[in-house]
Amino acid sequence: MKAKARAAVTEERHYFKEVRFRQIRALVETARCGSFAEASRQLGMATPSVWRQVRALEEEYGVSLVVARGQELHLTGDGELLADLAGPIVEGFDSLRRVFADRQGKTERILRVAAPATVLNSSLREPVADYQRTHANVKLSLIDAPSRDALTLLAEDRADLAIIGQPEGMEVPARFEAVPLARFAFQAVCLATNPFAAIRKPTLRDLLRQPLILAGEASSSRMQFDHLVAKAGLADRVNICLTANNLALILNYVAIGMGVALITRPAREATPIPPELEQQLVFRDLSHILGHEQVVLLHPRGRHELSHVRSFRERVVAELG
């Protein structure tokens, strides 16, 4: 009887350890998705089950983790703290099987890297070329995506790494580590005949008097511009005459006098500018107004990293950092 009792206790302990991990996973997924319903879809569980897992976790830790405000779900401060701490644990557990299969040589080696076109077409070209020469067995997939979209691809596990611009005011989710790579000053580009070109040290108000040619809303440069303009209380002064991510398109419209464009050095380096066009243009440093674009490499914290992914990440950091 004693042996049976000990076995029952051991089995119960294993069971409750498993339940606690399910609770942790439920919290992390709820924090990521922002709702019990979406978390339940991602976990393949019924919505009430996810709700019960999180509530059981609250009872175990003796704190409130999640609060509902109408149709919206919000994590409390304790909920955010616990989700941040638990995220790498869940990432590590979820990646264990994939790394195990990779070490056994049972899976195809694939590397998916999401980054804006300006990064892919400038600073990333050499690291990619070097990597292909040394890792011919890896199927490399490069994904052209503006910074915000690249972050989404990484968060949804549709990319292994993301290289993005991190604008002022943008918080990287705690489940990712951001490795700084480079900083680039923002520049204005306009015709030499544009009155803006004659202003020696333009202010933000000077800039906002011009029709502006800006990158798309998912780009880091646009997010930084929008953040700083809103912070200054001048969002109603913005006059956007063209939104585009293609530098050739942007410069063609600058050349016909449509407005002043905002770019960074990688964008300028990514597309050769015809000499006859470049002679008509003036590039002005706007770092005193808009600051710098901080380019970072993002990868999941806590995940067991595949060797070919780590090799690419370390190469990029070594060459660009």
C-alpha atoms as a PDB file:
ATOM      1  CA  MET A   1       0.000   0.000   0.000  1.00  0.00           C
ATOM      2  CA  LYS A   2       2.823   2.359   0.853  1.00  0.00           C
ATOM      3  CA  ALA A   3       4.429   1.749  -2.536  1.00  0.00           C
ATOM      4  CA  LYS A   4       1.105   2.446  -4.246  1.00  0.00           C
ATOM      5  CA  ALA A   5       0.651   5.619  -2.230  1.00  0.00           C
ATOM      6  CA  ARG A   6       4.145   6.842  -3.146  1.00  0.00           C
ATOM      7  CA  ALA A   7       3.452   6.092  -6.811  1.00  0.00           C
ATOM      8  CA  ALA A   8       0.185   8.024  -6.647  1.00  0.00           C
ATOM      9  CA  VAL A   9       1.891  11.040  -5.087  1.00  0.00           C
ATOM     10  CA  THR A  10       4.672  10.948  -7.710  1.00  0.00           C
ATOM     11  CA  GLU A  11       2.117  10.725 -10.520  1.00  0.00           C
ATOM     12  CA  GLU A  12       0.168  13.636  -9.038  1.00  0.00           C
ATOM     13  CA  ARG A  13       3.302  15.781  -8.812  1.00  0.00           C
ATOM     14  CA  HIS A  14       4.156  15.091 -12.478  1.00  0.00           C
ATOM     15  CA  TYR A  15       0.583  15.957 -13.409  1.00  0.00           C
ATOM     16  CA  PHE A  16       0.576  19.270 -11.626  1.00  0.00           C
ATOM     17  CA  LYS A  17       3.986  20.197 -13.081  1.00  0.00           C
ATOM     18  CA  GLU A  18       2.481  19.668 -16.516  1.00  0.00           C
ATOM     19  CA  VAL A  19      -0.576  21.716 -15.610  1.00  0.00           C
ATOM     20  CA  ARG A  20       1.581  24.593 -14.375  1.00  0.00           C
ATOM     21  CA  PHE A  21       3.451  24.669 -17.666  1.00  0.00           C
ATOM     22  CA  ARG A  22       0.145  24.739 -19.530  1.00  0.00           C
ATOM     23  CA  GLN A  23      -0.884  27.653 -17.361  1.00  0.00           C
ATOM     24  CA  ILE A  24       2.341  29.489 -18.129  1.00  0.00           C
ATOM     25  CA  ARG A  25       1.903  28.808 -21.841  1.00  0.00           C
ATOM     26  CA  ALA A  26      -1.692  30.058 -21.684  1.00  0.00           C
ATOM     27  CA  LEU A  27      -0.564  33.331 -20.082  1.00  0.00           C
ATOM     28  CA  VAL A  28       2.266  33.882 -22.577  1.00  0.00           C
ATOM     29  CA  GLU A  29      -0.001  33.189 -25.552  1.00  0.00           C
ATOM     30  CA  THR A  30      -2.758  35.400 -24.143  1.00  0.00           C
ATOM     31  CA  ALA A  31      -0.240  38.210 -23.679  1.00  0.00           C
ATOM     32  CA  ARG A  32       0.970  37.758 -27.253  1.00  0.00           C
ATOM     33  CA  CYS A  33      -2.518  37.568 -28.810  1.00  0.00           C
ATOM     34  CA  GLY A  34      -4.328  40.090 -26.635  1.00  0.00           C
ATOM     35  CA  SER A  35      -7.418  37.932 -26.138  1.00  0.00           C
ATOM     36  CA  PHE A  36      -8.464  34.566 -24.736  1.00  0.00           C
ATOM     37  CA  ALA A  37     -10.276  33.756 -28.004  1.00  0.00           C
ATOM     38  CA  GLU A  38      -7.222  34.256 -30.217  1.00  0.00           C
ATOM     39  CA  ALA A  39      -4.955  32.499 -27.709  1.00  0.00           C
ATOM     40  CA  SER A  40      -7.338  29.530 -27.712  1.00  0.00           C
ATOM     41  CA  ARG A  41      -7.130  29.340 -31.513  1.00  0.00           C
ATOM     42  CA  GLN A  42      -3.346  29.388 -31.421  1.00  0.00           C
ATOM     43  CA  LEU A  43      -3.205  26.749 -28.667  1.00  0.00           C
ATOM     44  CA  GLY A  44      -5.929  24.526 -30.123  1.00  0.00           C
ATOM     45  CA  MET A  45      -7.940  24.791 -26.894  1.00  0.00           C
ATOM     46  CA  ALA A  46     -11.428  25.971 -26.015  1.00  0.00           C
ATOM     47  CA  THR A  47     -11.587  29.597 -24.892  1.00  0.00           C
ATOM     48  CA  PRO A  48     -12.922  28.705 -21.402  1.00  0.00           C
ATOM     49  CA  SER A  49      -9.970  26.321 -20.960  1.00  0.00           C
ATOM     50  CA  VAL A  50      -7.459  29.096 -21.620  1.00  0.00           C
ATOM     51  CA  TRP A  51      -9.372  31.362 -19.257  1.00  0.00           C
ATOM     52  CA  ARG A  52      -9.264  28.695 -16.515  1.00  0.00           C
ATOM     53  CA  GLN A  53      -5.533  28.121 -17.013  1.00  0.00           C
ATOM     54  CA  VAL A  54      -4.779  31.819 -16.506  1.00  0.00           C
ATOM     55  CA  ARG A  55      -7.134  32.093 -13.532  1.00  0.00           C
ATOM     56  CA  ALA A  56      -5.506  29.032 -11.929  1.00  0.00           C
ATOM     57  CA  LEU A  57      -2.138  30.713 -12.401  1.00  0.00           C
ATOM     58  CA  GLU A  58      -3.473  33.805 -10.643  1.00  0.00           C
ATOM     59  CA  GLU A  59      -4.538  31.674  -7.700  1.00  0.00           C
ATOM     60  CA  GLU A  60      -1.147  29.965  -7.545  1.00  0.00           C
ATOM     61  CA  TYR A  61       0.809  33.254  -7.609  1.00  0.00           C
ATOM     62  CA  GLY A  62      -1.727  35.181  -5.534  1.00  0.00           C
ATOM     63  CA  VAL A  63      -1.934  38.133  -7.923  1.00  0.00           C
ATOM     64  CA  SER A  64      -4.198  39.456 -10.659  1.00  0.00           C
ATOM     65  CA  LEU A  65      -2.632  38.870 -14.075  1.00  0.00           C
ATOM     66  CA  VAL A  66      -5.350  39.820 -16.557  1.00  0.00           C
ATOM     67  CA  VAL A  67      -8.221  42.311 -16.458  1.00  0.00           C
ATOM     68  CA  ALA A  68     -11.052  42.781 -18.946  1.00  0.00           C
ATOM     69  CA  ARG A  69     -12.159  46.279 -19.947  1.00  0.00           C
ATOM     70  CA  GLY A  70     -15.245  45.890 -22.093  1.00  0.00           C
ATOM     71  CA  GLN A  71     -14.261  43.749 -25.058  1.00  0.00           C
ATOM     72  CA  GLU A  72     -10.541  44.392 -24.513  1.00  0.00           C
ATOM     73  CA  LEU A  73      -8.126  42.318 -22.457  1.00  0.00           C
ATOM     74  CA  HIS A  74      -5.194  43.869 -20.631  1.00  0.00           C
ATOM     75  CA  LEU A  75      -2.342  42.429 -18.596  1.00  0.00           C
ATOM     76  CA  THR A  76      -1.732  43.940 -15.188  1.00  0.00           C
ATOM     77  CA  GLY A  77       1.781  44.975 -14.218  1.00  0.00           C
ATOM     78  CA  ASP A  78       2.245  41.573 -12.558  1.00  0.00           C
ATOM     79  CA  GLY A  79       0.868  39.883 -15.680  1.00  0.00           C
ATOM     80  CA  GLU A  80       3.338  41.693 -17.926  1.00  0.00           C
ATOM     81  CA  LEU A  81       6.211  40.861 -15.593  1.00  0.00           C
ATOM     82  CA  LEU A  82       5.344  37.160 -15.401  1.00  0.00           C
ATOM     83  CA  ALA A  83       4.699  36.906 -19.149  1.00  0.00           C
ATOM     84  CA  ASP A  84       8.074  38.548 -19.871  1.00  0.00           C
ATOM     85  CA  LEU A  85       9.871  36.157 -17.511  1.00  0.00           C
ATOM     86  CA  ALA A  86       8.036  33.098 -18.824  1.00  0.00           C
ATOM     87  CA  GLY A  87       8.317  33.915 -22.533  1.00  0.00           C
ATOM     88  CA  PRO A  88      11.887  32.611 -22.976  1.00  0.00           C
ATOM     89  CA  ILE A  89      10.981  29.418 -21.084  1.00  0.00           C
ATOM     90  CA  VAL A  90       8.126  28.695 -23.470  1.00  0.00           C
ATOM     91  CA  GLU A  91      10.301  29.626 -26.479  1.00  0.00           C
ATOM     92  CA  GLY A  92      13.030  27.253 -25.290  1.00  0.00           C
ATOM     93  CA  PHE A  93      10.634  24.379 -24.757  1.00  0.00           C
ATOM     94  CA  ASP A  94       8.867  24.898 -28.085  1.00  0.00           C
ATOM     95  CA  SER A  95      12.149  24.965 -30.023  1.00  0.00           C
ATOM     96  CA  LEU A  96      13.610  21.860 -28.360  1.00  0.00           C
ATOM     97  CA  ARG A  97      12.146  19.301 -30.772  1.00  0.00           C
ATOM     98  CA  ARG A  98      13.236  21.295 -33.827  1.00  0.00           C
ATOM     99  CA  VAL A  99      16.819  21.620 -32.567  1.00  0.00           C
ATOM    100  CA  PHE A 100      16.916  17.943 -31.629  1.00  0.00           C
ATOM    101  CA  ALA A 101      15.805  16.949 -35.152  1.00  0.00           C
ATOM    102  CA  ASP A 102      18.327  19.364 -36.674  1.00  0.00           C
ATOM    103  CA  ARG A 103      21.195  17.887 -34.649  1.00  0.00           C
ATOM    104  CA  GLN A 104      20.132  14.454 -35.854  1.00  0.00           C
ATOM    105  CA  GLY A 105      20.247  15.681 -39.453  1.00  0.00           C
ATOM    106  CA  LYS A 106      16.588  14.789 -40.007  1.00  0.00           C
ATOM    107  CA  THR A 107      15.311  18.163 -41.182  1.00  0.00           C
ATOM    108  CA  GLU A 108      15.979  20.486 -44.084  1.00  0.00           C
ATOM    109  CA  ARG A 109      17.999  23.502 -43.002  1.00  0.00           C
ATOM    110  CA  ILE A 110      16.074  26.682 -43.747  1.00  0.00           C
ATOM    111  CA  LEU A 111      16.842  30.269 -42.741  1.00  0.00           C
ATOM    112  CA  ARG A 112      14.202  32.996 -43.145  1.00  0.00           C
ATOM    113  CA  VAL A 113      15.350  36.598 -42.705  1.00  0.00           C
ATOM    114  CA  ALA A 114      12.912  39.526 -42.842  1.00  0.00           C
ATOM    115  CA  ALA A 115      14.251  43.026 -43.484  1.00  0.00           C
ATOM    116  CA  PRO A 116      13.348  46.226 -45.373  1.00  0.00           C
ATOM    117  CA  ALA A 117      14.417  46.499 -49.007  1.00  0.00           C
ATOM    118  CA  THR A 118      16.907  49.261 -48.163  1.00  0.00           C
ATOM    119  CA  VAL A 119      18.752  46.924 -45.785  1.00  0.00           C
ATOM    120  CA  LEU A 120      18.584  43.938 -48.132  1.00  0.00           C
ATOM    121  CA  ASN A 121      19.879  46.030 -51.012  1.00  0.00           C
ATOM    122  CA  SER A 122      22.738  47.706 -49.161  1.00  0.00           C
ATOM    123  CA  SER A 123      24.409  46.616 -45.926  1.00  0.00           C
ATOM    124  CA  LEU A 124      23.120  43.022 -45.960  1.00  0.00           C
ATOM    125  CA  ARG A 125      24.348  42.079 -49.431  1.00  0.00           C
ATOM    126  CA  GLU A 126      27.907  41.146 -48.464  1.00  0.00           C
ATOM    127  CA  PRO A 127      26.996  39.092 -45.358  1.00  0.00           C
ATOM    128  CA  VAL A 128      24.429  37.195 -47.442  1.00  0.00           C
ATOM    129  CA  ALA A 129      26.948  36.508 -50.199  1.00  0.00           C
ATOM    130  CA  ASP A 130      29.531  35.261 -47.664  1.00  0.00           C
ATOM    131  CA  TYR A 131      26.949  33.092 -45.931  1.00  0.00           C
ATOM    132  CA  GLN A 132      25.863  31.442 -49.168  1.00  0.00           C
ATOM    133  CA  ARG A 133      29.462  30.515 -49.939  1.00  0.00           C
ATOM    134  CA  THR A 134      29.959  28.799 -46.582  1.00  0.00           C
ATOM    135  CA  HIS A 135      26.455  27.362 -46.048  1.00  0.00           C
ATOM    136  CA  ALA A 136      25.475  25.929 -49.398  1.00  0.00           C
ATOM    137  CA  ASN A 137      23.317  23.323 -47.619  1.00  0.00           C
ATOM    138  CA  VAL A 138      21.023  25.984 -46.120  1.00  0.00           C
ATOM    139  CA  LYS A 139      17.927  27.107 -47.995  1.00  0.00           C
ATOM    140  CA  LEU A 140      18.100  30.872 -47.486  1.00  0.00           C
ATOM    141  CA  SER A 141      14.873  32.868 -47.821  1.00  0.00           C
ATOM    142  CA  LEU A 142      15.084  36.674 -47.699  1.00  0.00           C
ATOM    143  CA  ILE A 143      11.797  38.497 -47.120  1.00  0.00           C
ATOM    144  CA  ASP A 144      11.410  42.124 -48.186  1.00  0.00           C
ATOM    145  CA  ALA A 145       9.262  43.708 -45.479  1.00  0.00           C
ATOM    146  CA  PRO A 146       9.083  47.178 -43.864  1.00  0.00           C
ATOM    147  CA  SER A 147      10.251  47.223 -40.266  1.00  0.00           C
ATOM    148  CA  ARG A 148       6.860  46.822 -38.582  1.00  0.00           C
ATOM    149  CA  ASP A 149       5.882  43.992 -40.943  1.00  0.00           C
ATOM    150  CA  ALA A 150       9.252  42.282 -40.429  1.00  0.00           C
ATOM    151  CA  LEU A 151       8.657  42.336 -36.668  1.00  0.00           C
ATOM    152  CA  THR A 152       5.210  40.794 -37.216  1.00  0.00           C
ATOM    153  CA  LEU A 153       6.713  38.013 -39.338  1.00  0.00           C
ATOM    154  CA  LEU A 154       9.181  37.221 -36.553  1.00  0.00           C
ATOM    155  CA  ALA A 155       6.458  37.306 -33.887  1.00  0.00           C
ATOM    156  CA  GLU A 156       4.310  34.907 -35.940  1.00  0.00           C
ATOM    157  CA  ASP A 157       7.272  32.537 -36.462  1.00  0.00           C
ATOM    158  CA  ARG A 158       7.261  33.177 -40.208  1.00  0.00           C
ATOM    159  CA  ALA A 159      10.844  34.452 -39.976  1.00  0.00           C
ATOM    160  CA  ASP A 160      13.819  33.244 -37.927  1.00  0.00           C
ATOM    161  CA  LEU A 161      15.510  36.650 -37.723  1.00  0.00           C
ATOM    162  CA  ALA A 162      14.438  40.218 -38.414  1.00  0.00           C
ATOM    163  CA  ILE A 163      16.600  43.245 -39.152  1.00  0.00           C
ATOM    164  CA  ILE A 164      14.611  46.421 -38.643  1.00  0.00           C
ATOM    165  CA  GLY A 165      14.819  50.082 -37.866  1.00  0.00           C
ATOM    166  CA  GLN A 166      13.769  50.728 -34.272  1.00  0.00           C
ATOM    167  CA  PRO A 167      12.171  54.183 -34.167  1.00  0.00           C
ATOM    168  CA  GLU A 168      11.961  56.332 -31.073  1.00  0.00           C
ATOM    169  CA  GLY A 169       9.000  55.252 -28.972  1.00  0.00           C
ATOM    170  CA  MET A 170       8.911  51.699 -30.308  1.00  0.00           C
ATOM    171  CA  GLU A 171       9.282  49.039 -27.621  1.00  0.00           C
ATOM    172  CA  VAL A 172      10.602  45.662 -28.783  1.00  0.00           C
ATOM    173  CA  PRO A 173       8.596  42.828 -27.166  1.00  0.00           C
ATOM    174  CA  ALA A 174      10.475  41.291 -24.243  1.00  0.00           C
ATOM    175  CA  ARG A 175      10.470  37.873 -25.925  1.00  0.00           C
ATOM    176  CA  PHE A 176      12.995  39.227 -28.473  1.00  0.00           C
ATOM    177  CA  GLU A 177      16.543  40.416 -28.001  1.00  0.00           C
ATOM    178  CA  ALA A 178      17.520  43.485 -30.024  1.00  0.00           C
ATOM    179  CA  VAL A 179      21.192  43.674 -31.043  1.00  0.00           C
ATOM    180  CA  PRO A 180      22.212  47.183 -32.229  1.00  0.00           C
ATOM    181  CA  LEU A 181      23.824  47.193 -35.668  1.00  0.00           C
ATOM    182  CA  ALA A 182      24.071  50.787 -36.902  1.00  0.00           C
ATOM    183  CA  ARG A 183      22.700  54.324 -36.599  1.00  0.00           C
ATOM    184  CA  PHE A 184      21.878  56.517 -39.591  1.00  0.00           C
ATOM    185  CA  ALA A 185      20.955  60.197 -39.595  1.00  0.00           C
ATOM    186  CA  PHE A 186      17.710  61.228 -41.239  1.00  0.00           C
ATOM    187  CA  GLN A 187      18.101  63.364 -44.335  1.00  0.00           C
ATOM    188  CA  ALA A 188      15.863  65.637 -46.374  1.00  0.00           C
ATOM    189  CA  VAL A 189      16.234  65.666 -50.136  1.00  0.00           C
ATOM    190  CA  CYS A 190      14.798  68.355 -52.378  1.00  0.00           C
ATOM    191  CA  LEU A 191      15.590  70.296 -55.532  1.00  0.00           C
ATOM    192  CA  ALA A 192      18.416  72.805 -55.204  1.00  0.00           C
ATOM    193  CA  THR A 193      15.926  75.461 -56.310  1.00  0.00           C
ATOM    194  CA  ASN A 194      13.501  74.652 -53.474  1.00  0.00           C
ATOM    195  CA  PRO A 195      13.478  77.421 -50.808  1.00  0.00           C
ATOM    196  CA  PHE A 196      13.899  74.732 -48.149  1.00  0.00           C
ATOM    197  CA  ALA A 197      17.404  74.046 -49.495  1.00  0.00           C
ATOM    198  CA  ALA A 198      18.487  77.579 -48.532  1.00  0.00           C
ATOM    199  CA  ILE A 199      17.568  77.232 -44.839  1.00  0.00           C
ATOM    200  CA  ARG A 200      20.861  76.649 -43.022  1.00  0.00           C
ATOM    201  CA  LYS A 201      19.450  74.868 -39.984  1.00  0.00           C
ATOM    202  CA  PRO A 202      15.782  74.069 -40.582  1.00  0.00           C
ATOM    203  CA  THR A 203      13.381  73.481 -37.712  1.00  0.00           C
ATOM    204  CA  LEU A 204      10.559  70.987 -37.553  1.00  0.00           C
ATOM    205  CA  ARG A 205       8.113  73.782 -38.355  1.00  0.00           C
ATOM    206  CA  ASP A 206      10.185  74.707 -41.425  1.00  0.00           C
ATOM    207  CA  LEU A 207       9.983  71.111 -42.577  1.00  0.00           C
ATOM    208  CA  LEU A 208       6.241  70.883 -42.009  1.00  0.00           C
ATOM    209  CA  ARG A 209       5.642  73.932 -44.217  1.00  0.00           C
ATOM    210  CA  GLN A 210       6.699  71.766 -47.162  1.00  0.00           C
ATOM    211  CA  PRO A 211       4.706  69.135 -49.041  1.00  0.00           C
ATOM    212  CA  LEU A 212       6.343  65.903 -47.859  1.00  0.00           C
ATOM    213  CA  ILE A 213       7.223  62.652 -49.572  1.00  0.00           C
ATOM    214  CA  LEU A 214       7.367  59.932 -46.931  1.00  0.00           C
ATOM    215  CA  ALA A 215       7.854  56.186 -46.690  1.00  0.00           C
ATOM    216  CA  GLY A 216       4.927  53.905 -45.860  1.00  0.00           C
ATOM    217  CA  GLU A 217       3.448  53.768 -42.360  1.00  0.00           C
ATOM    218  CA  ALA A 218       5.060  50.371 -41.614  1.00  0.00           C
ATOM    219  CA  SER A 219       8.585  51.723 -42.208  1.00  0.00           C
ATOM    220  CA  SER A 220      10.779  52.752 -39.296  1.00  0.00           C
ATOM    221  CA  SER A 221      11.490  56.183 -40.781  1.00  0.00           C
ATOM    222  CA  ARG A 222       7.781  56.938 -41.053  1.00  0.00           C
ATOM    223  CA  MET A 223       7.090  55.637 -37.539  1.00  0.00           C
ATOM    224  CA  GLN A 224       9.851  57.860 -36.140  1.00  0.00           C
ATOM    225  CA  PHE A 225       8.554  60.885 -38.066  1.00  0.00           C
ATOM    226  CA  ASP A 226       4.964  60.296 -36.920  1.00  0.00           C
ATOM    227  CA  HIS A 227       6.065  59.803 -33.308  1.00  0.00           C
ATOM    228  CA  LEU A 228       8.134  62.999 -33.148  1.00  0.00           C
ATOM    229  CA  VAL A 229       5.512  65.123 -34.910  1.00  0.00           C
ATOM    230  CA  ALA A 230       2.794  63.863 -32.569  1.00  0.00           C
ATOM    231  CA  LYS A 231       5.083  64.443 -29.571  1.00  0.00           C
ATOM    232  CA  ALA A 232       5.524  68.060 -30.704  1.00  0.00           C
ATOM    233  CA  GLY A 233       1.747  68.462 -31.108  1.00  0.00           C
ATOM    234  CA  LEU A 234       2.107  69.261 -34.819  1.00  0.00           C
ATOM    235  CA  ALA A 235       0.413  66.265 -36.441  1.00  0.00           C
ATOM    236  CA  ASP A 236      -2.259  68.522 -37.982  1.00  0.00           C
ATOM    237  CA  ARG A 237       0.466  70.465 -39.855  1.00  0.00           C
ATOM    238  CA  VAL A 238       1.664  67.493 -41.914  1.00  0.00           C
ATOM    239  CA  ASN A 239       1.007  67.686 -45.658  1.00  0.00           C
ATOM    240  CA  ILE A 240       1.883  64.353 -47.314  1.00  0.00           C
ATOM    241  CA  CYS A 241       1.866  64.575 -51.107  1.00  0.00           C
ATOM    242  CA  LEU A 242       3.285  61.096 -51.799  1.00  0.00           C
ATOM    243  CA  THR A 243       3.765  57.884 -49.843  1.00  0.00           C
ATOM    244  CA  ALA A 244       6.266  55.412 -51.315  1.00  0.00           C
ATOM    245  CA  ASN A 245       8.968  52.948 -50.302  1.00  0.00           C
ATOM    246  CA  ASN A 246      10.795  52.885 -53.637  1.00  0.00           C
ATOM    247  CA  LEU A 247      13.637  55.432 -53.689  1.00  0.00           C
ATOM    248  CA  ALA A 248      13.692  55.743 -57.484  1.00  0.00           C
ATOM    249  CA  LEU A 249      10.003  56.653 -57.381  1.00  0.00           C
ATOM    250  CA  ILE A 250      10.585  59.102 -54.538  1.00  0.00           C
ATOM    251  CA  LEU A 251      13.447  60.893 -56.299  1.00  0.00           C
ATOM    252  CA  ASN A 252      11.562  61.100 -59.582  1.00  0.00           C
ATOM    253  CA  TYR A 253       8.842  63.094 -57.849  1.00  0.00           C
ATOM    254  CA  VAL A 254      11.342  65.211 -55.923  1.00  0.00           C
ATOM    255  CA  ALA A 255      12.888  66.024 -59.320  1.00  0.00           C
ATOM    256  CA  ILE A 256       9.627  67.475 -60.628  1.00  0.00           C
ATOM    257  CA  GLY A 257       9.347  69.692 -57.561  1.00  0.00           C
ATOM    258  CA  MET A 258       6.515  67.854 -55.879  1.00  0.00           C
ATOM    259  CA  GLY A 259       7.957  68.158 -52.362  1.00  0.00           C
ATOM    260  CA  VAL A 260      10.682  67.364 -49.837  1.00  0.00           C
ATOM    261  CA  ALA A 261      11.476  63.690 -49.192  1.00  0.00           C
ATOM    262  CA  LEU A 262      12.767  62.144 -45.960  1.00  0.00           C
ATOM    263  CA  ILE A 263      15.254  59.291 -46.315  1.00  0.00           C
ATOM    264  CA  THR A 264      18.217  57.678 -44.541  1.00  0.00           C
ATOM    265  CA  ARG A 265      21.639  56.724 -45.872  1.00  0.00           C
ATOM    266  CA  PRO A 266      20.835  53.018 -46.492  1.00  0.00           C
ATOM    267  CA  ALA A 267      17.947  54.086 -48.717  1.00  0.00           C
ATOM    268  CA  ARG A 268      20.274  56.397 -50.639  1.00  0.00           C
ATOM    269  CA  GLU A 269      22.924  53.679 -50.990  1.00  0.00           C
ATOM    270  CA  ALA A 270      20.426  51.016 -52.014  1.00  0.00           C
ATOM    271  CA  THR A 271      19.530  52.699 -55.318  1.00  0.00           C
ATOM    272  CA  PRO A 272      22.089  54.238 -57.703  1.00  0.00           C
ATOM    273  CA  ILE A 273      21.136  57.831 -58.489  1.00  0.00           C
ATOM    274  CA  PRO A 274      21.792  58.984 -62.079  1.00  0.00           C
ATOM    275  CA  PRO A 275      24.452  61.745 -62.029  1.00  0.00           C
ATOM    276  CA  GLU A 276      22.241  64.156 -63.970  1.00  0.00           C
ATOM    277  CA  LEU A 277      19.528  63.765 -61.336  1.00  0.00           C
ATOM    278  CA  GLU A 278      21.872  63.939 -58.365  1.00  0.00           C
ATOM    279  CA  GLN A 279      23.228  67.281 -59.598  1.00  0.00           C
ATOM    280  CA  GLN A 280      19.732  68.770 -59.226  1.00  0.00           C
ATOM    281  CA  LEU A 281      19.280  67.583 -55.650  1.00  0.00           C
ATOM    282  CA  VAL A 282      20.329  68.818 -52.219  1.00  0.00           C
ATOM    283  CA  PHE A 283      20.650  66.395 -49.282  1.00  0.00           C
ATOM    284  CA  ARG A 284      20.308  67.964 -45.850  1.00  0.00           C
ATOM    285  CA  ASP A 285      21.106  66.355 -42.495  1.00  0.00           C
ATOM    286  CA  LEU A 286      18.017  66.419 -40.253  1.00  0.00           C
ATOM    287  CA  SER A 287      19.449  64.568 -37.250  1.00  0.00           C
ATOM    288  CA  HIS A 288      18.949  67.686 -35.096  1.00  0.00           C
ATOM    289  CA  ILE A 289      15.207  67.409 -35.826  1.00  0.00           C
ATOM    290  CA  LEU A 290      14.440  63.740 -36.416  1.00  0.00           C
ATOM    291  CA  GLY A 291      17.408  62.041 -34.743  1.00  0.00           C
ATOM    292  CA  HIS A 292      18.785  58.792 -36.102  1.00  0.00           C
ATOM    293  CA  GLU A 293      17.421  55.520 -37.353  1.00  0.00           C
ATOM    294  CA  GLN A 294      18.646  52.728 -35.062  1.00  0.00           C
ATOM    295  CA  VAL A 295      18.977  49.478 -37.007  1.00  0.00           C
ATOM    296  CA  VAL A 296      18.780  46.328 -34.860  1.00  0.00           C
ATOM    297  CA  LEU A 297      18.802  42.576 -35.363  1.00  0.00           C
ATOM    298  CA  LEU A 298      16.002  40.763 -33.539  1.00  0.00           C
ATOM    299  CA  HIS A 299      16.013  37.126 -32.461  1.00  0.00           C
ATOM    300  CA  PRO A 300      13.904  35.223 -29.916  1.00  0.00           C
ATOM    301  CA  ARG A 301      15.136  35.061 -26.335  1.00  0.00           C
ATOM    302  CA  GLY A 302      15.391  31.662 -24.709  1.00  0.00           C
ATOM    303  CA  ARG A 303      14.966  29.676 -27.911  1.00  0.00           C
ATOM    304  CA  HIS A 304      17.383  26.843 -28.634  1.00  0.00           C
ATOM    305  CA  GLU A 305      18.970  28.399 -31.688  1.00  0.00           C
ATOM    306  CA  LEU A 306      19.741  26.285 -34.739  1.00  0.00           C
ATOM    307  CA  SER A 307      23.446  26.368 -35.580  1.00  0.00           C
ATOM    308  CA  HIS A 308      22.959  27.720 -39.113  1.00  0.00           C
ATOM    309  CA  VAL A 309      20.707  30.510 -37.769  1.00  0.00           C
ATOM    310  CA  ARG A 310      23.257  31.445 -35.115  1.00  0.00           C
ATOM    311  CA  SER A 311      26.041  31.457 -37.729  1.00  0.00           C
ATOM    312  CA  PHE A 312      24.179  33.981 -39.885  1.00  0.00           C
ATOM    313  CA  ARG A 313      23.245  36.134 -36.899  1.00  0.00           C
ATOM    314  CA  GLU A 314      26.825  36.268 -35.616  1.00  0.00           C
ATOM    315  CA  ARG A 315      28.143  37.060 -39.097  1.00  0.00           C
ATOM    316  CA  VAL A 316      25.754  39.985 -39.518  1.00  0.00           C
ATOM    317  CA  VAL A 317      26.572  41.364 -36.072  1.00  0.00           C
ATOM    318  CA  ALA A 318      30.316  41.046 -36.704  1.00  0.00           C
ATOM    319  CA  GLU A 319      30.168  42.786 -40.080  1.00  0.00           C
ATOM    320  CA  LEU A 320      27.569  45.469 -39.364  1.00  0.00           C
ATOM    321  CA  GLY A 321      27.633  45.940 -35.601  1.00  0.00           C
END
